Amino acid sequence: HGQLLLGPNAITGEWGHNPLPWPRPEELPGP
């Protein structure tokens, strides 16, 4: 609703430091 969502750890939206979903064998362990 036009407002930033902020959590207690100040990391809301940091999707880039989660593992790639449904990885293929050749994507493991990953770079």
ModelCIF file with pLDDT and N, C-alpha, C, O atoms, coordinates in Angstrom:
data_MODEL
#
_entry.id   MODEL 
#
_entity.id                         1 
_entity.type                       polymer 
_entity.pdbx_number_of_molecules   1 
#
_entity_poly.entity_id                      1 
_entity_poly.type                           'polypeptide(L)' 
_entity_poly.nstd_linkage                   no 
_entity_poly.nstd_monomer                   no 
_entity_poly.pdbx_seq_one_letter_code       HGQLLLGPNAITGEWGHNPLPWPRPEELPGP 
_entity_poly.pdbx_seq_one_letter_code_can   HGQLLLGPNAITGEWGHNPLPWPRPEELPGP 
_entity_poly.pdbx_strand_id                 A 
#
loop_
_entity_poly_seq.entity_id 
_entity_poly_seq.num 
_entity_poly_seq.mon_id 
_entity_poly_seq.hetero 
1 1  HIS n 
1 2  GLY n 
1 3  GLN n 
1 4  LEU n 
1 5  LEU n 
1 6  LEU n 
1 7  GLY n 
1 8  PRO n 
1 9  ASN n 
1 10 ALA n 
1 11 ILE n 
1 12 THR n 
1 13 GLY n 
1 14 GLU n 
1 15 TRP n 
1 16 GLY n 
1 17 HIS n 
1 18 ASN n 
1 19 PRO n 
1 20 LEU n 
1 21 PRO n 
1 22 TRP n 
1 23 PRO n 
1 24 ARG n 
1 25 PRO n 
1 26 GLU n 
1 27 GLU n 
1 28 LEU n 
1 29 PRO n 
1 30 GLY n 
1 31 PRO n 
#
_struct_asym.id          A 
_struct_asym.entity_id   1 
#
loop_
_ma_qa_metric.id 
_ma_qa_metric.mode 
_ma_qa_metric.name 
_ma_qa_metric.software_group_id 
_ma_qa_metric.type 
1 global pLDDT . pLDDT 
2 local  pLDDT . pLDDT 
#
_ma_qa_metric_global.metric_id      1 
_ma_qa_metric_global.metric_value   95.10 
_ma_qa_metric_global.model_id       1 
_ma_qa_metric_global.ordinal_id     1 
#
loop_
_ma_qa_metric_local.label_asym_id 
_ma_qa_metric_local.label_comp_id 
_ma_qa_metric_local.label_seq_id 
_ma_qa_metric_local.metric_id 
_ma_qa_metric_local.metric_value 
_ma_qa_metric_local.model_id 
_ma_qa_metric_local.ordinal_id 
A HIS 1  2 96.00 1 1  
A GLY 2  2 95.00 1 2  
A GLN 3  2 95.00 1 3  
A LEU 4  2 97.00 1 4  
A LEU 5  2 96.00 1 5  
A LEU 6  2 92.00 1 6  
A GLY 7  2 92.00 1 7  
A PRO 8  2 92.00 1 8  
A ASN 9  2 91.00 1 9  
A ALA 10 2 89.00 1 10 
A ILE 11 2 91.00 1 11 
A THR 12 2 94.00 1 12 
A GLY 13 2 95.00 1 13 
A GLU 14 2 93.00 1 14 
A TRP 15 2 95.00 1 15 
A GLY 16 2 95.00 1 16 
A HIS 17 2 94.00 1 17 
A ASN 18 2 96.00 1 18 
A PRO 19 2 97.00 1 19 
A LEU 20 2 98.00 1 20 
A PRO 21 2 98.00 1 21 
A TRP 22 2 98.00 1 22 
A PRO 23 2 97.00 1 23 
A ARG 24 2 97.00 1 24 
A PRO 25 2 97.00 1 25 
A GLU 26 2 95.00 1 26 
A GLU 27 2 97.00 1 27 
A LEU 28 2 97.00 1 28 
A PRO 29 2 97.00 1 29 
A GLY 30 2 96.00 1 30 
A PRO 31 2 96.00 1 31 
#
loop_
_atom_site.group_PDB 
_atom_site.id 
_atom_site.type_symbol 
_atom_site.label_atom_id 
_atom_site.label_alt_id 
_atom_site.label_comp_id 
_atom_site.label_asym_id 
_atom_site.label_entity_id 
_atom_site.label_seq_id 
_atom_site.pdbx_PDB_ins_code 
_atom_site.Cartn_x 
_atom_site.Cartn_y 
_atom_site.Cartn_z 
_atom_site.occupancy 
_atom_site.B_iso_or_equiv 
_atom_site.pdbx_formal_charge 
_atom_site.auth_seq_id 
_atom_site.auth_comp_id 
_atom_site.auth_asym_id 
_atom_site.auth_atom_id 
_atom_site.pdbx_PDB_model_num 
ATOM 1   N N  . HIS A 1 1  ? 0.828  -1.211  0.000   1.00 96.00 ? 1  HIS A N  1 
ATOM 2   C CA . HIS A 1 1  ? 0.000  0.000   0.000   1.00 96.00 ? 1  HIS A CA 1 
ATOM 3   C C  . HIS A 1 1  ? 0.865  1.265   0.000   1.00 96.00 ? 1  HIS A C  1 
ATOM 4   O O  . HIS A 1 1  ? 0.583  2.226   0.716   1.00 96.00 ? 1  HIS A O  1 
ATOM 5   N N  . GLY A 1 2  ? 1.922  1.242   -0.817  1.00 95.00 ? 2  GLY A N  1 
ATOM 6   C CA . GLY A 1 2  ? 2.765  2.422   -0.978  1.00 95.00 ? 2  GLY A CA 1 
ATOM 7   C C  . GLY A 1 2  ? 3.723  2.689   0.159   1.00 95.00 ? 2  GLY A C  1 
ATOM 8   O O  . GLY A 1 2  ? 4.358  3.743   0.197   1.00 95.00 ? 2  GLY A O  1 
ATOM 9   N N  . GLN A 1 3  ? 3.842  1.748   1.092   1.00 95.00 ? 3  GLN A N  1 
ATOM 10  C CA . GLN A 1 3  ? 4.763  1.909   2.226   1.00 95.00 ? 3  GLN A CA 1 
ATOM 11  C C  . GLN A 1 3  ? 5.795  0.799   2.215   1.00 95.00 ? 3  GLN A C  1 
ATOM 12  O O  . GLN A 1 3  ? 5.464  -0.365  1.989   1.00 95.00 ? 3  GLN A O  1 
ATOM 13  N N  . LEU A 1 4  ? 7.066  1.166   2.462   1.00 97.00 ? 4  LEU A N  1 
ATOM 14  C CA . LEU A 1 4  ? 8.105  0.153   2.550   1.00 97.00 ? 4  LEU A CA 1 
ATOM 15  C C  . LEU A 1 4  ? 7.832  -0.792  3.716   1.00 97.00 ? 4  LEU A C  1 
ATOM 16  O O  . LEU A 1 4  ? 7.475  -0.363  4.813   1.00 97.00 ? 4  LEU A O  1 
ATOM 17  N N  . LEU A 1 5  ? 8.005  -2.067  3.459   1.00 96.00 ? 5  LEU A N  1 
ATOM 18  C CA . LEU A 1 5  ? 7.895  -3.068  4.514   1.00 96.00 ? 5  LEU A CA 1 
ATOM 19  C C  . LEU A 1 5  ? 9.267  -3.221  5.159   1.00 96.00 ? 5  LEU A C  1 
ATOM 20  O O  . LEU A 1 5  ? 10.239 -3.562  4.485   1.00 96.00 ? 5  LEU A O  1 
ATOM 21  N N  . LEU A 1 6  ? 9.346  -2.969  6.456   1.00 92.00 ? 6  LEU A N  1 
ATOM 22  C CA . LEU A 1 6  ? 10.608 -3.003  7.187   1.00 92.00 ? 6  LEU A CA 1 
ATOM 23  C C  . LEU A 1 6  ? 10.498 -3.989  8.338   1.00 92.00 ? 6  LEU A C  1 
ATOM 24  O O  . LEU A 1 6  ? 9.543  -3.950  9.114   1.00 92.00 ? 6  LEU A O  1 
ATOM 25  N N  . GLY A 1 7  ? 11.481 -4.870  8.442   1.00 92.00 ? 7  GLY A N  1 
ATOM 26  C CA . GLY A 1 7  ? 11.474 -5.860  9.508   1.00 92.00 ? 7  GLY A CA 1 
ATOM 27  C C  . GLY A 1 7  ? 12.511 -5.567  10.573  1.00 92.00 ? 7  GLY A C  1 
ATOM 28  O O  . GLY A 1 7  ? 13.283 -4.617  10.443  1.00 92.00 ? 7  GLY A O  1 
ATOM 29  N N  . PRO A 1 8  ? 12.539 -6.377  11.633  1.00 92.00 ? 8  PRO A N  1 
ATOM 30  C CA . PRO A 1 8  ? 13.408 -6.090  12.776  1.00 92.00 ? 8  PRO A CA 1 
ATOM 31  C C  . PRO A 1 8  ? 14.897 -6.239  12.472  1.00 92.00 ? 8  PRO A C  1 
ATOM 32  O O  . PRO A 1 8  ? 15.733 -5.695  13.194  1.00 92.00 ? 8  PRO A O  1 
ATOM 33  N N  . ASN A 1 9  ? 15.233 -6.972  11.408  1.00 91.00 ? 9  ASN A N  1 
ATOM 34  C CA . ASN A 1 9  ? 16.634 -7.172  11.064  1.00 91.00 ? 9  ASN A CA 1 
ATOM 35  C C  . ASN A 1 9  ? 17.106 -6.258  9.940   1.00 91.00 ? 9  ASN A C  1 
ATOM 36  O O  . ASN A 1 9  ? 18.276 -6.288  9.557   1.00 91.00 ? 9  ASN A O  1 
ATOM 37  N N  . ALA A 1 10 ? 16.186 -5.441  9.410   1.00 89.00 ? 10 ALA A N  1 
ATOM 38  C CA . ALA A 1 10 ? 16.496 -4.499  8.325   1.00 89.00 ? 10 ALA A CA 1 
ATOM 39  C C  . ALA A 1 10 ? 17.055 -5.201  7.091   1.00 89.00 ? 10 ALA A C  1 
ATOM 40  O O  . ALA A 1 10 ? 17.977 -4.696  6.450   1.00 89.00 ? 10 ALA A O  1 
ATOM 41  N N  . ILE A 1 11 ? 16.497 -6.370  6.757   1.00 91.00 ? 11 ILE A N  1 
ATOM 42  C CA . ILE A 1 11 ? 16.945 -7.106  5.572   1.00 91.00 ? 11 ILE A CA 1 
ATOM 43  C C  . ILE A 1 11 ? 15.770 -7.499  4.676   1.00 91.00 ? 11 ILE A C  1 
ATOM 44  O O  . ILE A 1 11 ? 15.894 -8.417  3.865   1.00 91.00 ? 11 ILE A O  1 
ATOM 45  N N  . THR A 1 12 ? 14.639 -6.819  4.811   1.00 94.00 ? 12 THR A N  1 
ATOM 46  C CA . THR A 1 12 ? 13.472 -7.146  4.005   1.00 94.00 ? 12 THR A CA 1 
ATOM 47  C C  . THR A 1 12 ? 13.815 -7.096  2.518   1.00 94.00 ? 12 THR A C  1 
ATOM 48  O O  . THR A 1 12 ? 14.406 -6.130  2.037   1.00 94.00 ? 12 THR A O  1 
ATOM 49  N N  . GLY A 1 13 ? 13.438 -8.147  1.803   1.00 95.00 ? 13 GLY A N  1 
ATOM 50  C CA . GLY A 1 13 ? 13.649 -8.178  0.358   1.00 95.00 ? 13 GLY A CA 1 
ATOM 51  C C  . GLY A 1 13 ? 14.983 -8.724  -0.081  1.00 95.00 ? 13 GLY A C  1 
ATOM 52  O O  . GLY A 1 13 ? 15.250 -8.770  -1.281  1.00 95.00 ? 13 GLY A O  1 
ATOM 53  N N  . GLU A 1 14 ? 15.844 -9.145  0.845   1.00 93.00 ? 14 GLU A N  1 
ATOM 54  C CA . GLU A 1 14 ? 17.178 -9.624  0.455   1.00 93.00 ? 14 GLU A CA 1 
ATOM 55  C C  . GLU A 1 14 ? 17.093 -11.055 -0.092  1.00 93.00 ? 14 GLU A C  1 
ATOM 56  O O  . GLU A 1 14 ? 17.621 -11.997 0.499   1.00 93.00 ? 14 GLU A O  1 
ATOM 57  N N  . TRP A 1 15 ? 16.423 -11.187 -1.221  1.00 95.00 ? 15 TRP A N  1 
ATOM 58  C CA . TRP A 1 15 ? 16.231 -12.510 -1.827  1.00 95.00 ? 15 TRP A CA 1 
ATOM 59  C C  . TRP A 1 15 ? 17.522 -13.063 -2.424  1.00 95.00 ? 15 TRP A C  1 
ATOM 60  O O  . TRP A 1 15 ? 17.664 -14.277 -2.571  1.00 95.00 ? 15 TRP A O  1 
ATOM 61  N N  . GLY A 1 16 ? 18.471 -12.175 -2.771  1.00 95.00 ? 16 GLY A N  1 
ATOM 62  C CA . GLY A 1 16 ? 19.663 -12.599 -3.481  1.00 95.00 ? 16 GLY A CA 1 
ATOM 63  C C  . GLY A 1 16 ? 20.597 -13.478 -2.686  1.00 95.00 ? 16 GLY A C  1 
ATOM 64  O O  . GLY A 1 16 ? 21.476 -14.123 -3.259  1.00 95.00 ? 16 GLY A O  1 
ATOM 65  N N  . HIS A 1 17 ? 20.424 -13.518 -1.360  1.00 94.00 ? 17 HIS A N  1 
ATOM 66  C CA . HIS A 1 17 ? 21.301 -14.354 -0.534  1.00 94.00 ? 17 HIS A CA 1 
ATOM 67  C C  . HIS A 1 17 ? 20.530 -15.516 0.066   1.00 94.00 ? 17 HIS A C  1 
ATOM 68  O O  . HIS A 1 17 ? 20.771 -15.939 1.197   1.00 94.00 ? 17 HIS A O  1 
ATOM 69  N N  . ASN A 1 18 ? 19.588 -16.022 -0.735  1.00 96.00 ? 18 ASN A N  1 
ATOM 70  C CA . ASN A 1 18 ? 18.968 -17.319 -0.531  1.00 96.00 ? 18 ASN A CA 1 
ATOM 71  C C  . ASN A 1 18 ? 19.453 -18.239 -1.650  1.00 96.00 ? 18 ASN A C  1 
ATOM 72  O O  . ASN A 1 18 ? 19.891 -17.757 -2.694  1.00 96.00 ? 18 ASN A O  1 
ATOM 73  N N  . PRO A 1 19 ? 19.380 -19.550 -1.448  1.00 97.00 ? 19 PRO A N  1 
ATOM 74  C CA . PRO A 1 19 ? 19.829 -20.452 -2.512  1.00 97.00 ? 19 PRO A CA 1 
ATOM 75  C C  . PRO A 1 19 ? 18.876 -20.436 -3.703  1.00 97.00 ? 19 PRO A C  1 
ATOM 76  O O  . PRO A 1 19 ? 17.677 -20.202 -3.550  1.00 97.00 ? 19 PRO A O  1 
ATOM 77  N N  . LEU A 1 20 ? 19.419 -20.687 -4.878  1.00 98.00 ? 20 LEU A N  1 
ATOM 78  C CA . LEU A 1 20 ? 18.609 -20.788 -6.081  1.00 98.00 ? 20 LEU A CA 1 
ATOM 79  C C  . LEU A 1 20 ? 17.599 -21.922 -5.911  1.00 98.00 ? 20 LEU A C  1 
ATOM 80  O O  . LEU A 1 20 ? 18.002 -23.051 -5.630  1.00 98.00 ? 20 LEU A O  1 
ATOM 81  N N  . PRO A 1 21 ? 16.293 -21.657 -6.072  1.00 98.00 ? 21 PRO A N  1 
ATOM 82  C CA . PRO A 1 21 ? 15.292 -22.713 -5.867  1.00 98.00 ? 21 PRO A CA 1 
ATOM 83  C C  . PRO A 1 21 ? 15.368 -23.815 -6.926  1.00 98.00 ? 21 PRO A C  1 
ATOM 84  O O  . PRO A 1 21 ? 15.800 -23.589 -8.056  1.00 98.00 ? 21 PRO A O  1 
ATOM 85  N N  . TRP A 1 22 ? 14.944 -24.989 -6.533  1.00 98.00 ? 22 TRP A N  1 
ATOM 86  C CA . TRP A 1 22 ? 14.860 -26.154 -7.412  1.00 98.00 ? 22 TRP A CA 1 
ATOM 87  C C  . TRP A 1 22 ? 16.141 -26.317 -8.249  1.00 98.00 ? 22 TRP A C  1 
ATOM 88  O O  . TRP A 1 22 ? 16.075 -26.352 -9.478  1.00 98.00 ? 22 TRP A O  1 
ATOM 89  N N  . PRO A 1 23 ? 17.303 -26.416 -7.588  1.00 97.00 ? 23 PRO A N  1 
ATOM 90  C CA . PRO A 1 23 ? 18.569 -26.462 -8.336  1.00 97.00 ? 23 PRO A CA 1 
ATOM 91  C C  . PRO A 1 23 ? 18.718 -27.751 -9.134  1.00 97.00 ? 23 PRO A C  1 
ATOM 92  O O  . PRO A 1 23 ? 18.294 -28.824 -8.705  1.00 97.00 ? 23 PRO A O  1 
ATOM 93  N N  . ARG A 1 24 ? 19.335 -27.613 -10.311 1.00 97.00 ? 24 ARG A N  1 
ATOM 94  C CA . ARG A 1 24 ? 19.702 -28.768 -11.122 1.00 97.00 ? 24 ARG A CA 1 
ATOM 95  C C  . ARG A 1 24 ? 21.023 -29.340 -10.581 1.00 97.00 ? 24 ARG A C  1 
ATOM 96  O O  . ARG A 1 24 ? 21.763 -28.635 -9.895  1.00 97.00 ? 24 ARG A O  1 
ATOM 97  N N  . PRO A 1 25 ? 21.316 -30.594 -10.880 1.00 97.00 ? 25 PRO A N  1 
ATOM 98  C CA . PRO A 1 25 ? 22.584 -31.175 -10.403 1.00 97.00 ? 25 PRO A CA 1 
ATOM 99  C C  . PRO A 1 25 ? 23.810 -30.351 -10.797 1.00 97.00 ? 25 PRO A C  1 
ATOM 100 O O  . PRO A 1 25 ? 24.749 -30.209 -10.015 1.00 97.00 ? 25 PRO A O  1 
ATOM 101 N N  . GLU A 1 26 ? 23.790 -29.806 -12.028 1.00 95.00 ? 26 GLU A N  1 
ATOM 102 C CA . GLU A 1 26 ? 24.951 -29.035 -12.483 1.00 95.00 ? 26 GLU A CA 1 
ATOM 103 C C  . GLU A 1 26 ? 25.048 -27.669 -11.806 1.00 95.00 ? 26 GLU A C  1 
ATOM 104 O O  . GLU A 1 26 ? 26.053 -26.977 -11.968 1.00 95.00 ? 26 GLU A O  1 
ATOM 105 N N  . GLU A 1 27 ? 24.015 -27.266 -11.047 1.00 97.00 ? 27 GLU A N  1 
ATOM 106 C CA . GLU A 1 27 ? 24.016 -25.980 -10.347 1.00 97.00 ? 27 GLU A CA 1 
ATOM 107 C C  . GLU A 1 27 ? 24.482 -26.104 -8.899  1.00 97.00 ? 27 GLU A C  1 
ATOM 108 O O  . GLU A 1 27 ? 24.531 -25.115 -8.168  1.00 97.00 ? 27 GLU A O  1 
ATOM 109 N N  . LEU A 1 28 ? 24.818 -27.310 -8.495  1.00 97.00 ? 28 LEU A N  1 
ATOM 110 C CA . LEU A 1 28 ? 25.254 -27.561 -7.120  1.00 97.00 ? 28 LEU A CA 1 
ATOM 111 C C  . LEU A 1 28 ? 26.749 -27.807 -7.074  1.00 97.00 ? 28 LEU A C  1 
ATOM 112 O O  . LEU A 1 28 ? 27.270 -28.460 -7.978  1.00 97.00 ? 28 LEU A O  1 
ATOM 113 N N  . PRO A 1 29 ? 27.468 -27.322 -6.074  1.00 97.00 ? 29 PRO A N  1 
ATOM 114 C CA . PRO A 1 29 ? 26.982 -26.492 -4.958  1.00 97.00 ? 29 PRO A CA 1 
ATOM 115 C C  . PRO A 1 29 ? 26.755 -25.030 -5.341  1.00 97.00 ? 29 PRO A C  1 
ATOM 116 O O  . PRO A 1 29 ? 26.273 -24.239 -4.530  1.00 97.00 ? 29 PRO A O  1 
ATOM 117 N N  . GLY A 1 30 ? 27.100 -24.678 -6.570  1.00 96.00 ? 30 GLY A N  1 
ATOM 118 C CA . GLY A 1 30 ? 26.929 -23.302 -7.024  1.00 96.00 ? 30 GLY A CA 1 
ATOM 119 C C  . GLY A 1 30 ? 28.189 -22.480 -6.836  1.00 96.00 ? 30 GLY A C  1 
ATOM 120 O O  . GLY A 1 30 ? 29.078 -22.853 -6.071  1.00 96.00 ? 30 GLY A O  1 
ATOM 121 N N  . PRO A 1 31 ? 28.259 -21.350 -7.544  1.00 96.00 ? 31 PRO A N  1 
ATOM 122 C CA . PRO A 1 31 ? 29.441 -20.480 -7.424  1.00 96.00 ? 31 PRO A CA 1 
ATOM 123 C C  . PRO A 1 31 ? 29.582 -19.917 -6.012  1.00 96.00 ? 31 PRO A C  1 
ATOM 124 O O  . PRO A 1 31 ? 30.519 -19.168 -5.737  1.00 96.00 ? 31 PRO A O  1 
#
